[in-house]
PDB file of N, CA and C in Angstrom:
ATOM      1  N   UNK A   1      -5.873 -12.639   7.787  1.00  0.00           N
ATOM      2  CA  UNK A   1      -5.486 -12.360   6.403  1.00  0.00           C
ATOM      3  C   UNK A   1      -4.034 -11.880   6.393  1.00  0.00           C
ATOM      4  N   UNK A   2      -3.203 -12.493   5.554  1.00  0.00           N
ATOM      5  CA  UNK A   2      -1.795 -12.107   5.484  1.00  0.00           C
ATOM      6  C   UNK A   2      -1.632 -10.862   4.625  1.00  0.00           C
ATOM      7  N   UNK A   3      -0.423 -10.317   4.628  1.00  0.00           N
ATOM      8  CA  UNK A   3      -0.136  -9.113   3.840  1.00  0.00           C
ATOM      9  C   UNK A   3      -0.221  -9.375   2.345  1.00  0.00           C
ATOM     10  N   UNK A   4      -0.109 -10.677   1.932  1.00  0.00           N
ATOM     11  CA  UNK A   4      -0.115 -10.997   0.511  1.00  0.00           C
ATOM     12  C   UNK A   4      -1.536 -11.227  -0.019  1.00  0.00           C
ATOM     13  N   UNK A   5      -2.556 -11.128   0.839  1.00  0.00           N
ATOM     14  CA  UNK A   5      -3.937 -11.302   0.405  1.00  0.00           C
ATOM     15  C   UNK A   5      -4.627  -9.942   0.375  1.00  0.00           C
ATOM     16  N   UNK A   6      -5.450  -9.728  -0.652  1.00  0.00           N
ATOM     17  CA  UNK A   6      -6.201  -8.479  -0.728  1.00  0.00           C
ATOM     18  C   UNK A   6      -7.622  -8.774  -1.170  1.00  0.00           C
ATOM     19  N   UNK A   7      -8.544  -7.938  -0.753  1.00  0.00           N
ATOM     20  CA  UNK A   7      -9.955  -8.092  -1.103  1.00  0.00           C
ATOM     21  C   UNK A   7     -10.178  -7.615  -2.529  1.00  0.00           C
ATOM     22  N   UNK A   8     -11.020  -8.347  -3.267  1.00  0.00           N
ATOM     23  CA  UNK A   8     -11.364  -7.997  -4.633  1.00  0.00           C
ATOM     24  C   UNK A   8     -12.865  -8.211  -4.834  1.00  0.00           C
ATOM     25  N   UNK A   9     -13.422  -7.566  -5.833  1.00  0.00           N
ATOM     26  CA  UNK A   9     -14.815  -7.761  -6.209  1.00  0.00           C
ATOM     27  C   UNK A   9     -14.838  -8.328  -7.621  1.00  0.00           C
ATOM     28  N   UNK A  10     -15.556  -9.443  -7.786  1.00  0.00           N
ATOM     29  CA  UNK A  10     -15.667 -10.068  -9.105  1.00  0.00           C
ATOM     30  C   UNK A  10     -17.133 -10.422  -9.354  1.00  0.00           C
ATOM     31  N   UNK A  11     -17.505 -10.665 -10.622  1.00  0.00           N
ATOM     32  CA  UNK A  11     -18.883 -11.069 -10.901  1.00  0.00           C
ATOM     33  C   UNK A  11     -19.161 -12.467 -10.339  1.00  0.00           C
ATOM     34  N   UNK A  12     -20.287 -12.622  -9.655  1.00  0.00           N
ATOM     35  CA  UNK A  12     -20.692 -13.916  -9.123  1.00  0.00           C
ATOM     36  C   UNK A  12     -21.401 -14.737 -10.185  1.00  0.00           C
ATOM     37  N   UNK A  13     -21.859 -15.939  -9.816  1.00  0.00           N
ATOM     38  CA  UNK A  13     -22.531 -16.817 -10.785  1.00  0.00           C
ATOM     39  C   UNK A  13     -23.772 -16.179 -11.419  1.00  0.00           C
ATOM     40  N   UNK A  14     -24.440 -15.288 -10.691  1.00  0.00           N
ATOM     41  CA  UNK A  14     -25.637 -14.640 -11.217  1.00  0.00           C
ATOM     42  C   UNK A  14     -25.319 -13.286 -11.865  1.00  0.00           C
ATOM     43  N   UNK A  15     -24.027 -12.951 -11.958  1.00  0.00           N
ATOM     44  CA  UNK A  15     -23.606 -11.693 -12.567  1.00  0.00           C
ATOM     45  C   UNK A  15     -23.495 -10.532 -11.594  1.00  0.00           C
ATOM     46  N   UNK A  16     -24.017 -10.716 -10.377  1.00  0.00           N
ATOM     47  CA  UNK A  16     -23.918  -9.652  -9.372  1.00  0.00           C
ATOM     48  C   UNK A  16     -22.531  -9.686  -8.737  1.00  0.00           C
ATOM     49  N   UNK A  17     -21.994  -8.526  -8.331  1.00  0.00           N
ATOM     50  CA  UNK A  17     -20.664  -8.483  -7.720  1.00  0.00           C
ATOM     51  C   UNK A  17     -20.620  -9.237  -6.388  1.00  0.00           C
ATOM     52  N   UNK A  18     -19.534  -9.982  -6.202  1.00  0.00           N
ATOM     53  CA  UNK A  18     -19.302 -10.688  -4.940  1.00  0.00           C
ATOM     54  C   UNK A  18     -17.883 -10.396  -4.471  1.00  0.00           C
ATOM     55  N   UNK A  19     -17.684 -10.487  -3.162  1.00  0.00           N
ATOM     56  CA  UNK A  19     -16.373 -10.229  -2.578  1.00  0.00           C
ATOM     57  C   UNK A  19     -15.553 -11.516  -2.521  1.00  0.00           C
ATOM     58  N   UNK A  20     -14.266 -11.362  -2.707  1.00  0.00           N
ATOM     59  CA  UNK A  20     -13.351 -12.479  -2.606  1.00  0.00           C
ATOM     60  C   UNK A  20     -12.011 -12.004  -2.096  1.00  0.00           C
ATOM     61  N   UNK A  21     -11.140 -12.960  -1.838  1.00  0.00           N
ATOM     62  CA  UNK A  21      -9.785 -12.664  -1.389  1.00  0.00           C
ATOM     63  C   UNK A  21      -8.810 -13.163  -2.437  1.00  0.00           C
ATOM     64  N   UNK A  22      -8.001 -12.260  -2.978  1.00  0.00           N
ATOM     65  CA  UNK A  22      -6.987 -12.599  -3.966  1.00  0.00           C
ATOM     66  C   UNK A  22      -5.871 -13.347  -3.247  1.00  0.00           C
ATOM     67  N   UNK A  23      -5.641 -14.598  -3.646  1.00  0.00           N
ATOM     68  CA  UNK A  23      -4.670 -15.448  -2.971  1.00  0.00           C
ATOM     69  C   UNK A  23      -3.335 -15.447  -3.722  1.00  0.00           C
ATOM     70  N   UNK A  24      -2.255 -15.271  -2.990  1.00  0.00           N
ATOM     71  CA  UNK A  24      -0.930 -15.342  -3.595  1.00  0.00           C
ATOM     72  C   UNK A  24      -0.614 -16.791  -3.928  1.00  0.00           C
ATOM     73  N   UNK A  25      -0.094 -17.041  -5.122  1.00  0.00           N
ATOM     74  CA  UNK A  25       0.324 -18.383  -5.531  1.00  0.00           C
ATOM     75  C   UNK A  25       1.762 -18.562  -5.073  1.00  0.00           C
ATOM     76  N   UNK A  26       1.981 -19.472  -4.135  1.00  0.00           N
ATOM     77  CA  UNK A  26       3.328 -19.695  -3.604  1.00  0.00           C
ATOM     78  C   UNK A  26       4.113 -20.709  -4.415  1.00  0.00           C
ATOM     79  N   UNK A  27       3.413 -21.670  -4.996  1.00  0.00           N
ATOM     80  CA  UNK A  27       4.090 -22.718  -5.752  1.00  0.00           C
ATOM     81  C   UNK A  27       3.157 -23.197  -6.849  1.00  0.00           C
ATOM     82  N   UNK A  28       3.703 -23.511  -8.013  1.00  0.00           N
ATOM     83  CA  UNK A  28       2.880 -23.962  -9.124  1.00  0.00           C
ATOM     84  C   UNK A  28       3.671 -24.927  -9.998  1.00  0.00           C
ATOM     85  N   UNK A  29       2.998 -25.951 -10.494  1.00  0.00           N
ATOM     86  CA  UNK A  29       3.607 -26.894 -11.430  1.00  0.00           C
ATOM     87  C   UNK A  29       2.612 -27.112 -12.557  1.00  0.00           C
ATOM     88  N   UNK A  30       2.892 -26.525 -13.685  1.00  0.00           N
ATOM     89  CA  UNK A  30       1.985 -26.593 -14.827  1.00  0.00           C
ATOM     90  C   UNK A  30       2.632 -27.434 -15.915  1.00  0.00           C
ATOM     91  N   UNK A  31       2.040 -28.563 -16.192  1.00  0.00           N
ATOM     92  CA  UNK A  31       2.597 -29.524 -17.149  1.00  0.00           C
ATOM     93  C   UNK A  31       2.069 -29.265 -18.561  1.00  0.00           C
ATOM     94  N   UNK A  32       2.888 -29.613 -19.546  1.00  0.00           N
ATOM     95  CA  UNK A  32       2.499 -29.521 -20.955  1.00  0.00           C
ATOM     96  C   UNK A  32       1.742 -30.779 -21.346  1.00  0.00           C
ATOM     97  N   UNK A  33       0.735 -30.628 -22.188  1.00  0.00           N
ATOM     98  CA  UNK A  33       0.092 -31.747 -22.877  1.00  0.00           C
ATOM     99  C   UNK A  33       0.594 -31.695 -24.309  1.00  0.00           C
ATOM    100  N   UNK A  34       1.078 -32.822 -24.809  1.00  0.00           N
ATOM    101  CA  UNK A  34       1.579 -32.857 -26.185  1.00  0.00           C
ATOM    102  C   UNK A  34       0.656 -33.722 -27.030  1.00  0.00           C
ATOM    103  N   UNK A  35       0.453 -33.278 -28.279  1.00  0.00           N
ATOM    104  CA  UNK A  35      -0.389 -34.049 -29.177  1.00  0.00           C
ATOM    105  C   UNK A  35       0.130 -33.980 -30.600  1.00  0.00           C
ATOM    106  N   UNK A  36      -0.152 -35.044 -31.347  1.00  0.00           N
ATOM    107  CA  UNK A  36       0.157 -35.079 -32.769  1.00  0.00           C
ATOM    108  C   UNK A  36      -1.166 -35.007 -33.506  1.00  0.00           C
ATOM    109  N   UNK A  37      -1.267 -34.042 -34.421  1.00  0.00           N
ATOM    110  CA  UNK A  37      -2.490 -33.844 -35.184  1.00  0.00           C
ATOM    111  C   UNK A  37      -2.487 -34.703 -36.446  1.00  0.00           C
ATOM    112  N   UNK A  38      -3.661 -34.878 -37.023  1.00  0.00           N
ATOM    113  CA  UNK A  38      -3.828 -35.706 -38.225  1.00  0.00           C
ATOM    114  C   UNK A  38      -2.934 -35.231 -39.378  1.00  0.00           C
ATOM    115  N   UNK A  39      -2.677 -33.915 -39.461  1.00  0.00           N
ATOM    116  CA  UNK A  39      -1.856 -33.390 -40.560  1.00  0.00           C
ATOM    117  C   UNK A  39      -0.360 -33.519 -40.299  1.00  0.00           C
ATOM    118  N   UNK A  40       0.014 -34.142 -39.166  1.00  0.00           N
ATOM    119  CA  UNK A  40       1.428 -34.358 -38.854  1.00  0.00           C
ATOM    120  C   UNK A  40       2.036 -33.311 -37.939  1.00  0.00           C
ATOM    121  N   UNK A  41       1.311 -32.248 -37.646  1.00  0.00           N
ATOM    122  CA  UNK A  41       1.797 -31.198 -36.755  1.00  0.00           C
ATOM    123  C   UNK A  41       1.827 -31.731 -35.325  1.00  0.00           C
ATOM    124  N   UNK A  42       2.862 -31.337 -34.574  1.00  0.00           N
ATOM    125  CA  UNK A  42       2.953 -31.669 -33.155  1.00  0.00           C
ATOM    126  C   UNK A  42       2.879 -30.360 -32.376  1.00  0.00           C
ATOM    127  N   UNK A  43       1.957 -30.291 -31.389  1.00  0.00           N
ATOM    128  CA  UNK A  43       1.799 -29.086 -30.581  1.00  0.00           C
ATOM    129  C   UNK A  43       1.839 -29.437 -29.097  1.00  0.00           C
ATOM    130  N   UNK A  44       2.144 -28.416 -28.309  1.00  0.00           N
ATOM    131  CA  UNK A  44       2.101 -28.529 -26.852  1.00  0.00           C
ATOM    132  C   UNK A  44       1.144 -27.464 -26.345  1.00  0.00           C
ATOM    133  N   UNK A  45       0.373 -27.819 -25.306  1.00  0.00           N
ATOM    134  CA  UNK A  45      -0.604 -26.902 -24.738  1.00  0.00           C
ATOM    135  C   UNK A  45      -0.540 -27.006 -23.220  1.00  0.00           C
ATOM    136  N   UNK A  46      -0.632 -25.855 -22.542  1.00  0.00           N
ATOM    137  CA  UNK A  46      -0.785 -25.874 -21.093  1.00  0.00           C
ATOM    138  C   UNK A  46      -1.597 -24.663 -20.675  1.00  0.00           C
ATOM    139  N   UNK A  47      -2.158 -24.764 -19.507  1.00  0.00           N
ATOM    140  CA  UNK A  47      -2.946 -23.678 -18.941  1.00  0.00           C
ATOM    141  C   UNK A  47      -2.157 -23.095 -17.775  1.00  0.00           C
ATOM    142  N   UNK A  48      -1.842 -21.806 -17.854  1.00  0.00           N
ATOM    143  CA  UNK A  48      -1.064 -21.136 -16.813  1.00  0.00           C
ATOM    144  C   UNK A  48      -2.026 -20.389 -15.885  1.00  0.00           C
ATOM    145  N   UNK A  49      -1.950 -20.676 -14.603  1.00  0.00           N
ATOM    146  CA  UNK A  49      -2.802 -20.000 -13.630  1.00  0.00           C
ATOM    147  C   UNK A  49      -2.261 -18.596 -13.398  1.00  0.00           C
ATOM    148  N   UNK A  50      -3.130 -17.594 -13.597  1.00  0.00           N
ATOM    149  CA  UNK A  50      -2.715 -16.207 -13.443  1.00  0.00           C
ATOM    150  C   UNK A  50      -3.245 -15.569 -12.157  1.00  0.00           C
ATOM    151  N   UNK A  51      -4.349 -16.117 -11.609  1.00  0.00           N
ATOM    152  CA  UNK A  51      -4.917 -15.554 -10.386  1.00  0.00           C
ATOM    153  C   UNK A  51      -5.843 -16.578  -9.739  1.00  0.00           C
ATOM    154  N   UNK A  52      -5.823 -16.617  -8.404  1.00  0.00           N
ATOM    155  CA  UNK A  52      -6.735 -17.462  -7.633  1.00  0.00           C
ATOM    156  C   UNK A  52      -7.441 -16.567  -6.619  1.00  0.00           C
ATOM    157  N   UNK A  53      -8.774 -16.644  -6.610  1.00  0.00           N
ATOM    158  CA  UNK A  53      -9.576 -15.840  -5.680  1.00  0.00           C
ATOM    159  C   UNK A  53     -10.432 -16.785  -4.842  1.00  0.00           C
ATOM    160  N   UNK A  54     -10.330 -16.665  -3.508  1.00  0.00           N
ATOM    161  CA  UNK A  54     -11.197 -17.423  -2.611  1.00  0.00           C
ATOM    162  C   UNK A  54     -12.447 -16.595  -2.365  1.00  0.00           C
ATOM    163  N   UNK A  55     -13.612 -17.152  -2.670  1.00  0.00           N
ATOM    164  CA  UNK A  55     -14.873 -16.441  -2.526  1.00  0.00           C
ATOM    165  C   UNK A  55     -15.239 -16.334  -1.044  1.00  0.00           C
ATOM    166  N   UNK A  56     -15.431 -15.117  -0.568  1.00  0.00           N
ATOM    167  CA  UNK A  56     -15.754 -14.903   0.843  1.00  0.00           C
ATOM    168  C   UNK A  56     -17.131 -15.478   1.173  1.00  0.00           C
ATOM    169  N   UNK A  57     -17.185 -16.365   2.166  1.00  0.00           N
ATOM    170  CA  UNK A  57     -18.452 -16.920   2.636  1.00  0.00           C
ATOM    171  C   UNK A  57     -19.079 -17.960   1.728  1.00  0.00           C
ATOM    172  N   UNK A  58     -18.373 -18.427   0.700  1.00  0.00           N
ATOM    173  CA  UNK A  58     -18.919 -19.433  -0.222  1.00  0.00           C
ATOM    174  C   UNK A  58     -18.231 -20.775   0.022  1.00  0.00           C
ATOM    175  N   UNK A  59     -19.043 -21.831   0.135  1.00  0.00           N
ATOM    176  CA  UNK A  59     -18.520 -23.169   0.429  1.00  0.00           C
ATOM    177  C   UNK A  59     -19.236 -24.200  -0.439  1.00  0.00           C
ATOM    178  N   UNK A  60     -18.527 -25.285  -0.786  1.00  0.00           N
ATOM    179  CA  UNK A  60     -19.163 -26.357  -1.547  1.00  0.00           C
ATOM    180  C   UNK A  60     -19.925 -27.281  -0.593  1.00  0.00           C
ATOM    181  N   UNK A  61     -20.499 -28.356  -1.127  1.00  0.00           N
ATOM    182  CA  UNK A  61     -21.309 -29.271  -0.324  1.00  0.00           C
ATOM    183  C   UNK A  61     -20.526 -29.984   0.777  1.00  0.00           C
ATOM    184  N   UNK A  62     -19.202 -30.037   0.649  1.00  0.00           N
ATOM    185  CA  UNK A  62     -18.365 -30.695   1.661  1.00  0.00           C
ATOM    186  C   UNK A  62     -17.761 -29.704   2.647  1.00  0.00           C
ATOM    187  N   UNK A  63     -18.139 -28.423   2.537  1.00  0.00           N
ATOM    188  CA  UNK A  63     -17.638 -27.405   3.457  1.00  0.00           C
ATOM    189  C   UNK A  63     -16.327 -26.761   3.057  1.00  0.00           C
ATOM    190  N   UNK A  64     -15.828 -27.084   1.873  1.00  0.00           N
ATOM    191  CA  UNK A  64     -14.583 -26.490   1.381  1.00  0.00           C
ATOM    192  C   UNK A  64     -14.857 -25.106   0.817  1.00  0.00           C
ATOM    193  N   UNK A  65     -13.913 -24.155   0.980  1.00  0.00           N
ATOM    194  CA  UNK A  65     -14.106 -22.829   0.375  1.00  0.00           C
ATOM    195  C   UNK A  65     -14.142 -22.941  -1.151  1.00  0.00           C
ATOM    196  N   UNK A  66     -14.869 -22.027  -1.776  1.00  0.00           N
ATOM    197  CA  UNK A  66     -14.971 -21.997  -3.237  1.00  0.00           C
ATOM    198  C   UNK A  66     -13.898 -21.050  -3.775  1.00  0.00           C
ATOM    199  N   UNK A  67     -13.188 -21.491  -4.809  1.00  0.00           N
ATOM    200  CA  UNK A  67     -12.139 -20.687  -5.432  1.00  0.00           C
ATOM    201  C   UNK A  67     -12.488 -20.417  -6.888  1.00  0.00           C
ATOM    202  N   UNK A  68     -12.143 -19.230  -7.363  1.00  0.00           N
ATOM    203  CA  UNK A  68     -12.203 -18.892  -8.774  1.00  0.00           C
ATOM    204  C   UNK A  68     -10.759 -18.894  -9.262  1.00  0.00           C
ATOM    205  N   UNK A  69     -10.492 -19.650 -10.318  1.00  0.00           N
ATOM    206  CA  UNK A  69      -9.133 -19.748 -10.847  1.00  0.00           C
ATOM    207  C   UNK A  69      -9.122 -19.162 -12.251  1.00  0.00           C
ATOM    208  N   UNK A  70      -8.321 -18.131 -12.443  1.00  0.00           N
ATOM    209  CA  UNK A  70      -8.177 -17.511 -13.764  1.00  0.00           C
ATOM    210  C   UNK A  70      -6.934 -18.097 -14.419  1.00  0.00           C
ATOM    211  N   UNK A  71      -7.071 -18.474 -15.704  1.00  0.00           N
ATOM    212  CA  UNK A  71      -5.975 -19.107 -16.425  1.00  0.00           C
ATOM    213  C   UNK A  71      -5.763 -18.446 -17.783  1.00  0.00           C
ATOM    214  N   UNK A  72      -4.615 -18.727 -18.348  1.00  0.00           N
ATOM    215  CA  UNK A  72      -4.292 -18.257 -19.687  1.00  0.00           C
ATOM    216  C   UNK A  72      -3.696 -19.434 -20.459  1.00  0.00           C
ATOM    217  N   UNK A  73      -4.229 -19.745 -21.643  1.00  0.00           N
ATOM    218  CA  UNK A  73      -3.671 -20.869 -22.405  1.00  0.00           C
ATOM    219  C   UNK A  73      -2.352 -20.490 -23.074  1.00  0.00           C
ATOM    220  N   UNK A  74      -1.446 -21.459 -23.131  1.00  0.00           N
ATOM    221  CA  UNK A  74      -0.179 -21.287 -23.836  1.00  0.00           C
ATOM    222  C   UNK A  74      -0.085 -22.431 -24.841  1.00  0.00           C
ATOM    223  N   UNK A  75       0.139 -22.086 -26.106  1.00  0.00           N
ATOM    224  CA  UNK A  75       0.216 -23.089 -27.167  1.00  0.00           C
ATOM    225  C   UNK A  75       1.546 -22.927 -27.883  1.00  0.00           C
ATOM    226  N   UNK A  76       2.231 -24.053 -28.092  1.00  0.00           N
ATOM    227  CA  UNK A  76       3.528 -24.035 -28.753  1.00  0.00           C
ATOM    228  C   UNK A  76       3.539 -25.092 -29.855  1.00  0.00           C
ATOM    229  N   UNK A  77       3.897 -24.693 -31.070  1.00  0.00           N
ATOM    230  CA  UNK A  77       4.032 -25.646 -32.167  1.00  0.00           C
ATOM    231  C   UNK A  77       5.432 -26.250 -32.077  1.00  0.00           C
ATOM    232  N   UNK A  78       5.501 -27.567 -31.919  1.00  0.00           N
ATOM    233  CA  UNK A  78       6.783 -28.260 -31.817  1.00  0.00           C
ATOM    234  C   UNK A  78       7.348 -28.493 -33.208  1.00  0.00           C
ATOM    235  N   UNK A  79       6.503 -29.023 -34.083  1.00  0.00           N
ATOM    236  CA  UNK A  79       6.948 -29.260 -35.459  1.00  0.00           C
ATOM    237  C   UNK A  79       5.739 -29.278 -36.383  1.00  0.00           C
ATOM    238  N   UNK A  80       5.993 -28.884 -37.627  1.00  0.00           N
ATOM    239  CA  UNK A  80       4.949 -28.859 -38.654  1.00  0.00           C
ATOM    240  C   UNK A  80       5.542 -29.448 -39.928  1.00  0.00           C
ATOM    241  N   UNK A  81       4.816 -30.293 -40.628  1.00  0.00           N
ATOM    242  CA  UNK A  81       5.329 -30.806 -41.902  1.00  0.00           C
ATOM    243  C   UNK A  81       5.649 -29.655 -42.859  1.00  0.00           C
ATOM    244  N   UNK A  82       6.686 -29.817 -43.644  1.00  0.00           N
ATOM    245  CA  UNK A  82       7.130 -28.770 -44.554  1.00  0.00           C
ATOM    246  C   UNK A  82       6.028 -28.295 -45.495  1.00  0.00           C
ATOM    247  N   UNK A  83       5.153 -29.217 -45.954  1.00  0.00           N
ATOM    248  CA  UNK A  83       4.129 -28.824 -46.927  1.00  0.00           C
ATOM    249  C   UNK A  83       3.097 -27.853 -46.343  1.00  0.00           C
ATOM    250  N   UNK A  84       3.022 -27.719 -45.024  1.00  0.00           N
ATOM    251  CA  UNK A  84       2.085 -26.791 -44.394  1.00  0.00           C
ATOM    252  C   UNK A  84       2.694 -25.406 -44.162  1.00  0.00           C
ATOM    253  N   UNK A  85       3.995 -25.294 -44.262  1.00  0.00           N
ATOM    254  CA  UNK A  85       4.662 -24.027 -43.964  1.00  0.00           C
ATOM    255  C   UNK A  85       4.478 -23.032 -45.098  1.00  0.00           C
ATOM    256  N   UNK A  86       4.369 -21.750 -44.712  1.00  0.00           N
ATOM    257  CA  UNK A  86       4.227 -20.679 -45.698  1.00  0.00           C
ATOM    258  C   UNK A  86       5.438 -20.667 -46.634  1.00  0.00           C
ATOM    259  N   UNK A  87       5.144 -20.501 -47.899  1.00  0.00           N
ATOM    260  CA  UNK A  87       6.220 -20.431 -48.881  1.00  0.00           C
ATOM    261  C   UNK A  87       6.679 -21.796 -49.390  1.00  0.00           C
ATOM    262  N   UNK A  88       6.077 -22.868 -48.881  1.00  0.00           N
ATOM    263  CA  UNK A  88       6.502 -24.191 -49.343  1.00  0.00           C
ATOM    264  C   UNK A  88       5.878 -24.500 -50.694  1.00  0.00           C
ATOM    265  N   UNK A  89       6.566 -25.293 -51.488  1.00  0.00           N
ATOM    266  CA  UNK A  89       5.985 -25.739 -52.760  1.00  0.00           C
ATOM    267  C   UNK A  89       5.243 -27.035 -52.477  1.00  0.00           C
ATOM    268  N   UNK A  90       3.948 -27.024 -52.766  1.00  0.00           N
ATOM    269  CA  UNK A  90       3.094 -28.181 -52.395  1.00  0.00           C
ATOM    270  C   UNK A  90       3.132 -29.271 -53.389  1.00  0.00           C
TER     271      UNK A  90
END
């Protein structure tokens, strides 16, 4: 275990506490998804990873370690039609 990893306790799938290792994120590339809504609004959305925990002693069917990834959504309005803006005359 490196100096950048620390042990943490989080709720497991059954709600009981399980041990994990908090993993330092060394590199990340989070892309925006852009969409145009029916009302003409254009928005961008992305999910920012805030924490990654490797579950101690937990493995998937292929033998890979199991990770818990905590994220935070980020939403940005690119443009909105004038008629939707506060104070506009409809």
